[in-house]
Amino acid sequence: MTARVLVVDDILSNVKLLEAKLSAEYFDVITAFNGLECLARMEETIPDIVLLDVMMPGMDGFEVCRRIKSNPKTAHVPVVMVTALDQPSDRVAGLDAGADDFLTKPVDDAALFARVRSLVRLKMMTDELRMRESTGQGMGLIDPVFAMSPREVAAELLRGGKTAAGPLDPEAAVSGRPVHIPPAGGQEFRTPSGKLEFYSEQLAQQGHAPMPDWQPDPDEERDAARWPLRLLTAPGYFQAHTAYSGVDFLRRREGSPCCILHPDEAARRGLADGARVRLYNDRGAVGLVLKISDEVLPGVVLVPGQRPDTETLAGTVNMLVADRYTDLGDGATYQSTFLDIAAWPSN
């Protein structure tokens, strides 16, 4: 972060010390040695923050702060009083003058940088809002929304909005976190098979049946009757040809190999979020970390990506699936695989 800091103190060594510390952190430092010089500097260029000594000859820091805050051009600039005074009455006097914060001499570096960065961020947000308001007024936009902060705008836009999980959270939208909108139900395909089907005009022109001649898969029907959960996965997500194979940062960001289960299914099995679990059927098993979320429907376990057995607790998702031909194609039948899930054995 870079910003313009005005350091005001009548003692040269104090000014030079603060200037050196702040310059080392890439702040642009301007200086003044008394109250009148400070006010003159602020007429020339408005800083992002003022570090103001209290005990100065002539005009003291309290009076300088009061004049800064009474000037509409500079009232929004944060002022930090830098003082050796430690009596509560001195702090009250500073607050009455409009000071935003205090630093006690000798100044601690960590406290200095923390206060400067925090107040500079606040100043930048204030500047942005002032610019938006000014721009809106210049364009004739006088609706209250143009004077709102981003959080207020988000709250207004999402007011009354609801999902199956309840009201939408404006804070999540502003912070960049995912807005969780669980599905209310599965997609219904009103076709003879109950699945997504395609009509082929080319087959019809050639005299063939334009719709697939779909028949129930006896192996799939048998597995569905035996095992309570269907596997969903994107098997190529972490394979060798993807960026995840060669970029450690991406793999670390994704965390441990996991599976995602609906809360009802987890409760039915007595499983907790973050637990180590075993996905299994009569073909094999894989050990993963459990995440519980209503982003998946009951009756489904989602494994987001194939991960090698060097990263899982044991095995890979491939061990659960057959390589037979199905209506989804030839090869590993990821979406025609059924299984169950249980806690990982303690021994």
Protein backbone atom coordinates (compact mmCIF):
# COMPACT_ATOMS: atom_id res chain seq x y z
CA MET A 1 0.00 0.00 0.00
CA THR A 2 1.30 3.50 -0.83
CA ALA A 3 -0.11 6.79 0.40
CA ARG A 4 0.93 10.39 1.09
CA VAL A 5 1.64 10.98 4.80
CA LEU A 6 2.05 14.47 6.29
CA VAL A 7 4.34 14.41 9.36
CA VAL A 8 4.07 17.49 11.59
CA ASP A 9 6.49 18.07 14.51
CA ASP A 10 8.58 21.03 15.65
CA ILE A 11 11.56 18.77 16.50
CA LEU A 12 13.64 17.92 13.43
CA SER A 13 14.89 14.56 14.75
CA ASN A 14 11.32 13.36 15.37
CA VAL A 15 10.33 14.33 11.83
CA LYS A 16 13.36 12.62 10.29
CA LEU A 17 12.78 9.43 12.31
CA LEU A 18 9.15 9.10 11.22
CA GLU A 19 10.05 10.03 7.65
CA ALA A 20 12.69 7.28 7.50
CA LYS A 21 10.37 4.63 8.94
CA LEU A 22 7.50 5.48 6.62
CA SER A 23 9.67 5.85 3.51
CA ALA A 24 11.07 2.37 4.15
CA GLU A 25 7.50 1.08 3.87
CA TYR A 26 7.04 2.92 0.54
CA PHE A 27 4.89 5.75 1.86
CA ASP A 28 5.28 9.20 0.25
CA VAL A 29 6.20 11.51 3.14
CA ILE A 30 5.82 15.30 3.27
CA THR A 31 6.76 17.29 6.36
CA ALA A 32 5.90 20.44 8.30
CA PHE A 33 7.48 21.89 11.46
CA ASN A 34 4.61 23.90 12.94
CA GLY A 35 0.85 24.30 12.77
CA LEU A 36 0.73 27.10 10.23
CA GLU A 37 3.10 25.26 7.88
CA CYS A 38 0.93 22.15 8.21
CA LEU A 39 -2.21 24.05 7.17
CA ALA A 40 -0.34 25.68 4.29
CA ARG A 41 0.89 22.28 3.09
CA MET A 42 -2.64 20.95 3.11
CA GLU A 43 -3.80 23.86 0.97
CA GLU A 44 -1.17 22.86 -1.63
CA THR A 45 -1.80 19.10 -1.58
CA ILE A 46 -4.22 17.04 0.49
CA PRO A 47 -2.46 14.08 2.16
CA ASP A 48 -4.01 10.70 2.88
CA ILE A 49 -3.20 10.94 6.59
CA VAL A 50 -1.66 13.44 9.04
CA LEU A 51 0.67 12.44 11.90
CA LEU A 52 0.38 15.48 14.13
CA ASP A 53 2.47 16.33 17.20
CA VAL A 54 0.53 17.89 20.07
CA MET A 55 3.12 19.96 21.91
CA MET A 56 4.24 22.60 19.41
CA PRO A 57 5.00 26.31 19.95
CA GLY A 58 2.42 28.78 18.76
CA MET A 59 -0.50 26.75 17.47
CA ASP A 60 -0.64 23.40 19.29
CA GLY A 61 -1.75 20.12 17.72
CA PHE A 62 -5.27 20.32 19.13
CA GLU A 63 -5.91 23.64 17.39
CA VAL A 64 -4.33 22.41 14.13
CA CYS A 65 -6.56 19.33 14.20
CA ARG A 66 -9.61 21.47 14.89
CA ARG A 67 -8.86 23.65 11.85
CA ILE A 68 -8.24 20.61 9.62
CA LYS A 69 -11.58 19.09 10.59
CA SER A 70 -13.48 22.37 10.22
CA ASN A 71 -12.30 22.85 6.63
CA PRO A 72 -14.67 21.04 4.21
CA LYS A 73 -11.72 20.36 1.86
CA THR A 74 -9.75 18.48 4.53
CA ALA A 75 -12.34 17.30 7.04
CA HIS A 76 -12.21 13.74 5.68
CA VAL A 77 -8.42 13.39 6.14
CA PRO A 78 -7.56 11.12 9.11
CA VAL A 79 -5.51 12.80 11.84
CA VAL A 80 -3.40 10.78 14.28
CA MET A 81 -2.20 12.72 17.33
CA VAL A 82 1.40 11.79 18.20
CA THR A 83 2.01 12.77 21.81
CA ALA A 84 3.90 12.07 25.02
CA LEU A 85 0.81 13.13 26.99
CA ASP A 86 -0.89 10.13 28.55
CA GLN A 87 -3.66 11.63 30.67
CA PRO A 88 -7.28 10.73 29.79
CA SER A 89 -8.09 14.45 29.65
CA ASP A 90 -5.53 14.89 26.86
CA ARG A 91 -7.18 12.16 24.80
CA VAL A 92 -10.60 13.69 25.41
CA ALA A 93 -9.24 17.03 24.17
CA GLY A 94 -7.90 15.32 21.05
CA LEU A 95 -11.24 13.63 20.36
CA ASP A 96 -13.06 16.91 20.87
CA ALA A 97 -10.73 18.46 18.28
CA GLY A 98 -11.65 15.68 15.80
CA ALA A 99 -8.62 13.36 16.06
CA ASP A 100 -9.13 9.89 14.59
CA ASP A 101 -6.48 8.05 16.62
CA PHE A 102 -3.49 8.46 18.94
CA LEU A 103 0.13 7.29 19.04
CA THR A 104 2.18 7.57 22.21
CA LYS A 105 5.83 8.63 22.09
CA PRO A 106 8.19 6.84 21.73
CA VAL A 107 6.30 5.48 18.73
CA ASP A 108 6.16 1.70 18.36
CA ASP A 109 6.74 0.65 14.73
CA ALA A 110 4.01 -2.03 14.68
CA ALA A 111 1.43 0.38 16.12
CA LEU A 112 2.53 3.12 13.69
CA PHE A 113 2.17 1.02 10.55
CA ALA A 114 -1.06 -0.65 11.71
CA ARG A 115 -2.76 2.68 12.38
CA VAL A 116 -1.48 4.32 9.21
CA ARG A 117 -2.55 1.43 6.96
CA SER A 118 -5.96 1.11 8.62
CA LEU A 119 -6.76 4.82 8.37
CA VAL A 120 -5.40 5.08 4.82
CA ARG A 121 -7.73 2.24 3.75
CA LEU A 122 -10.61 4.13 5.36
CA LYS A 123 -9.56 7.33 3.59
CA MET A 124 -9.42 5.54 0.22
CA MET A 125 -12.93 4.16 0.70
CA THR A 126 -14.15 7.62 1.69
CA ASP A 127 -12.49 9.16 -1.36
CA GLU A 128 -14.15 6.61 -3.64
CA LEU A 129 -17.57 7.29 -2.18
CA ARG A 130 -17.03 11.05 -2.46
CA MET A 131 -15.98 10.66 -6.10
CA ARG A 132 -19.02 8.50 -6.86
CA GLU A 133 -21.33 11.00 -5.22
CA SER A 134 -19.70 13.90 -7.08
CA THR A 135 -19.82 12.06 -10.41
CA GLY A 136 -23.43 11.09 -9.87
CA GLN A 137 -24.44 14.64 -9.06
CA GLY A 138 -22.56 15.91 -12.12
CA MET A 139 -24.51 13.46 -14.29
CA GLY A 140 -27.79 14.37 -12.66
CA LEU A 141 -28.07 11.02 -10.91
CA ILE A 142 -29.73 11.86 -7.62
CA ASP A 143 -31.19 8.48 -6.66
CA PRO A 144 -30.08 7.51 -3.12
CA VAL A 145 -28.46 4.33 -4.45
CA PHE A 146 -25.64 6.38 -5.97
CA ALA A 147 -24.62 7.61 -2.51
CA MET A 148 -24.65 4.13 -0.97
CA SER A 149 -21.59 2.12 0.01
CA PRO A 150 -20.99 -1.24 -1.75
CA ARG A 151 -22.43 -3.09 1.25
CA GLU A 152 -25.53 -0.90 1.27
CA VAL A 153 -26.00 -1.43 -2.47
CA ALA A 154 -25.70 -5.21 -2.07
CA ALA A 155 -28.19 -5.20 0.79
CA GLU A 156 -30.64 -3.16 -1.29
CA LEU A 157 -30.27 -5.36 -4.39
CA LEU A 158 -30.72 -8.59 -2.40
CA ARG A 159 -33.43 -7.30 -0.07
CA GLY A 160 -36.26 -9.82 0.00
CA GLY A 161 -34.33 -12.35 -2.09
CA LYS A 162 -34.65 -15.92 -0.87
CA THR A 163 -33.31 -19.35 -1.70
CA ALA A 164 -34.27 -22.79 -0.50
CA ALA A 165 -31.79 -22.25 2.35
CA GLY A 166 -33.26 -18.89 3.39
CA PRO A 167 -32.51 -15.20 2.70
CA LEU A 168 -29.54 -14.25 0.55
CA ASP A 169 -26.54 -12.90 2.50
CA PRO A 170 -25.39 -9.48 1.18
CA GLU A 171 -22.14 -9.75 3.14
CA ALA A 172 -21.20 -12.92 1.25
CA ALA A 173 -21.79 -11.17 -2.07
CA VAL A 174 -19.64 -8.16 -1.13
CA SER A 175 -16.80 -10.22 0.34
CA GLY A 176 -16.47 -12.36 -2.79
CA ARG A 177 -17.40 -15.58 -0.98
CA PRO A 178 -19.69 -18.03 -2.81
CA VAL A 179 -23.39 -17.29 -2.44
CA HIS A 180 -24.83 -20.64 -1.45
CA ILE A 181 -28.01 -21.48 -3.36
CA PRO A 182 -28.85 -25.17 -2.88
CA PRO A 183 -31.11 -26.83 -5.44
CA ALA A 184 -34.76 -27.17 -4.58
CA GLY A 185 -35.00 -30.42 -6.54
CA GLY A 186 -33.44 -32.40 -9.36
CA GLN A 187 -33.78 -31.64 -13.05
CA GLU A 188 -36.75 -33.48 -14.54
CA PHE A 189 -36.48 -34.82 -18.08
CA ARG A 190 -39.93 -35.67 -19.43
CA THR A 191 -38.72 -38.26 -21.89
CA PRO A 192 -39.60 -41.95 -22.19
CA SER A 193 -36.39 -42.88 -20.38
CA GLY A 194 -36.57 -40.09 -17.82
CA LYS A 195 -33.14 -39.01 -19.03
CA LEU A 196 -31.84 -36.38 -21.42
CA GLU A 197 -32.47 -37.57 -25.00
CA PHE A 198 -31.63 -36.08 -28.39
CA TYR A 199 -33.63 -36.12 -31.61
CA SER A 200 -31.42 -36.69 -34.68
CA GLU A 201 -32.71 -35.08 -37.87
CA GLN A 202 -29.90 -36.78 -39.80
CA LEU A 203 -31.01 -40.26 -38.66
CA ALA A 204 -34.61 -39.42 -39.54
CA GLN A 205 -33.58 -38.34 -43.08
CA GLN A 206 -31.74 -41.65 -43.50
CA GLY A 207 -34.84 -43.61 -42.56
CA HIS A 208 -33.61 -44.59 -39.09
CA ALA A 209 -35.32 -44.03 -35.78
CA PRO A 210 -34.48 -40.42 -34.82
CA MET A 211 -34.50 -41.14 -31.07
CA PRO A 212 -32.11 -43.48 -29.23
CA ASP A 213 -33.44 -46.96 -28.73
CA TRP A 214 -32.93 -46.74 -25.00
CA GLN A 215 -33.41 -49.76 -22.79
CA PRO A 216 -32.81 -49.98 -19.04
CA ASP A 217 -29.32 -51.20 -18.18
CA PRO A 218 -29.76 -54.39 -16.12
CA ASP A 219 -26.38 -53.99 -14.43
CA GLU A 220 -27.20 -50.43 -13.44
CA GLU A 221 -30.63 -51.45 -12.17
CA ARG A 222 -29.06 -54.22 -10.10
CA ASP A 223 -26.44 -51.87 -8.61
CA ALA A 224 -29.01 -49.15 -7.89
CA ALA A 225 -31.13 -51.65 -5.96
CA ARG A 226 -28.15 -52.80 -3.90
CA TRP A 227 -26.28 -49.56 -3.16
CA PRO A 228 -27.97 -46.39 -1.80
CA LEU A 229 -25.77 -43.67 -3.34
CA ARG A 230 -24.93 -42.72 -6.93
CA LEU A 231 -21.41 -41.49 -7.69
CA LEU A 232 -20.94 -38.16 -9.46
CA THR A 233 -17.48 -37.01 -10.41
CA ALA A 234 -15.40 -35.12 -12.95
CA PRO A 235 -12.65 -37.70 -13.41
CA GLY A 236 -10.34 -35.58 -15.57
CA TYR A 237 -10.10 -32.67 -13.13
CA PHE A 238 -6.75 -33.64 -11.61
CA GLN A 239 -5.32 -35.97 -14.25
CA ALA A 240 -1.83 -35.63 -15.67
CA HIS A 241 -2.86 -33.49 -18.64
CA THR A 242 -4.34 -30.74 -16.41
CA ALA A 243 -2.65 -27.86 -14.63
CA TYR A 244 -3.35 -29.51 -11.28
CA SER A 245 -0.80 -32.20 -11.98
CA GLY A 246 2.15 -29.83 -12.28
CA VAL A 247 1.22 -26.82 -10.15
CA ASP A 248 1.66 -27.48 -6.43
CA PHE A 249 -0.16 -24.28 -5.48
CA LEU A 250 -3.37 -25.44 -7.19
CA ARG A 251 -3.24 -28.81 -5.49
CA ARG A 252 -2.61 -27.25 -2.08
CA ARG A 253 -5.43 -24.79 -2.66
CA GLU A 254 -7.89 -27.62 -3.32
CA GLY A 255 -6.89 -29.30 -0.06
CA SER A 256 -7.17 -32.97 0.74
CA PRO A 257 -9.06 -35.20 -1.72
CA CYS A 258 -12.68 -35.10 -0.61
CA CYS A 259 -16.21 -36.21 -1.28
CA ILE A 260 -19.35 -34.14 -0.75
CA LEU A 261 -22.50 -35.55 0.84
CA HIS A 262 -25.92 -34.08 1.60
CA PRO A 263 -26.54 -33.33 5.33
CA ASP A 264 -29.41 -35.84 5.52
CA GLU A 265 -27.22 -38.64 4.13
CA ALA A 266 -24.41 -37.74 6.54
CA ALA A 267 -26.77 -37.67 9.54
CA ARG A 268 -28.23 -41.02 8.53
CA ARG A 269 -24.73 -42.54 8.77
CA GLY A 270 -23.55 -40.57 11.80
CA LEU A 271 -20.81 -38.81 9.82
CA ALA A 272 -19.39 -35.38 10.63
CA ASP A 273 -17.94 -32.71 8.35
CA GLY A 274 -14.19 -33.21 7.98
CA ALA A 275 -14.34 -36.90 8.92
CA ARG A 276 -12.22 -39.47 7.11
CA VAL A 277 -14.55 -41.77 5.19
CA ARG A 278 -14.52 -44.84 2.98
CA LEU A 279 -16.47 -44.97 -0.28
CA TYR A 280 -16.99 -48.57 -1.29
CA ASN A 281 -18.90 -51.09 -3.39
CA ASP A 282 -18.17 -54.63 -4.52
CA ARG A 283 -15.50 -53.40 -6.97
CA GLY A 284 -13.27 -51.55 -4.53
CA ALA A 285 -12.89 -48.63 -2.12
CA VAL A 286 -11.32 -45.19 -1.83
CA GLY A 287 -10.54 -43.18 1.31
CA LEU A 288 -11.39 -39.44 1.28
CA VAL A 289 -12.19 -36.52 3.56
CA LEU A 290 -15.91 -35.74 3.93
CA LYS A 291 -17.49 -32.37 3.24
CA ILE A 292 -21.17 -31.96 4.12
CA SER A 293 -23.15 -29.57 1.96
CA ASP A 294 -26.63 -29.15 0.54
CA GLU A 295 -25.12 -28.27 -2.85
CA VAL A 296 -25.60 -31.96 -3.69
CA LEU A 297 -28.91 -33.78 -3.58
CA PRO A 298 -29.75 -36.68 -1.28
CA GLY A 299 -28.87 -40.03 -2.81
CA VAL A 300 -25.68 -38.67 -4.41
CA VAL A 301 -22.05 -38.49 -3.37
CA LEU A 302 -19.90 -36.03 -5.34
CA VAL A 303 -16.18 -36.64 -5.75
CA PRO A 304 -14.77 -33.44 -7.32
CA GLY A 305 -11.96 -34.83 -9.41
CA GLN A 306 -9.85 -37.94 -9.71
CA ARG A 307 -6.87 -37.81 -7.34
CA PRO A 308 -3.93 -40.25 -7.22
CA ASP A 309 -3.59 -42.76 -4.40
CA THR A 310 -0.55 -40.86 -3.12
CA GLU A 311 -2.91 -38.07 -2.04
CA THR A 312 -6.02 -40.00 -0.91
CA LEU A 313 -6.25 -42.05 2.28
CA ALA A 314 -6.19 -45.09 0.01
CA GLY A 315 -7.16 -46.01 -3.53
CA THR A 316 -8.66 -43.89 -6.30
CA VAL A 317 -12.19 -43.30 -7.52
CA ASN A 318 -11.41 -45.54 -10.51
CA MET A 319 -11.54 -48.53 -8.18
CA LEU A 320 -15.29 -48.03 -7.73
CA VAL A 321 -16.31 -48.04 -11.39
CA ALA A 322 -16.70 -50.60 -14.15
CA ASP A 323 -15.34 -50.29 -17.70
CA ARG A 324 -18.42 -51.73 -19.37
CA TYR A 325 -20.43 -50.06 -22.13
CA THR A 326 -23.44 -48.04 -20.95
CA ASP A 327 -25.90 -45.58 -22.45
CA LEU A 328 -23.38 -42.87 -21.47
CA GLY A 329 -20.66 -44.41 -23.59
CA ASP A 330 -17.84 -46.88 -23.53
CA GLY A 331 -15.24 -46.86 -20.75
CA ALA A 332 -15.27 -46.01 -17.06
CA THR A 333 -18.92 -45.69 -16.02
CA TYR A 334 -18.54 -42.88 -13.49
CA GLN A 335 -22.16 -41.74 -13.64
CA SER A 336 -23.53 -45.31 -13.62
CA THR A 337 -21.73 -46.26 -10.42
CA PHE A 338 -23.47 -46.91 -7.13
CA LEU A 339 -21.88 -47.24 -3.69
CA ASP A 340 -22.14 -46.53 0.02
CA ILE A 341 -20.08 -44.48 2.47
CA ALA A 342 -18.96 -45.17 6.01
CA ALA A 343 -16.45 -43.89 8.56
CA TRP A 344 -12.84 -44.75 7.82
CA PRO A 345 -11.73 -47.74 9.95
CA SER A 346 -9.92 -46.53 13.10
CA ASN A 347 -7.37 -49.34 12.91
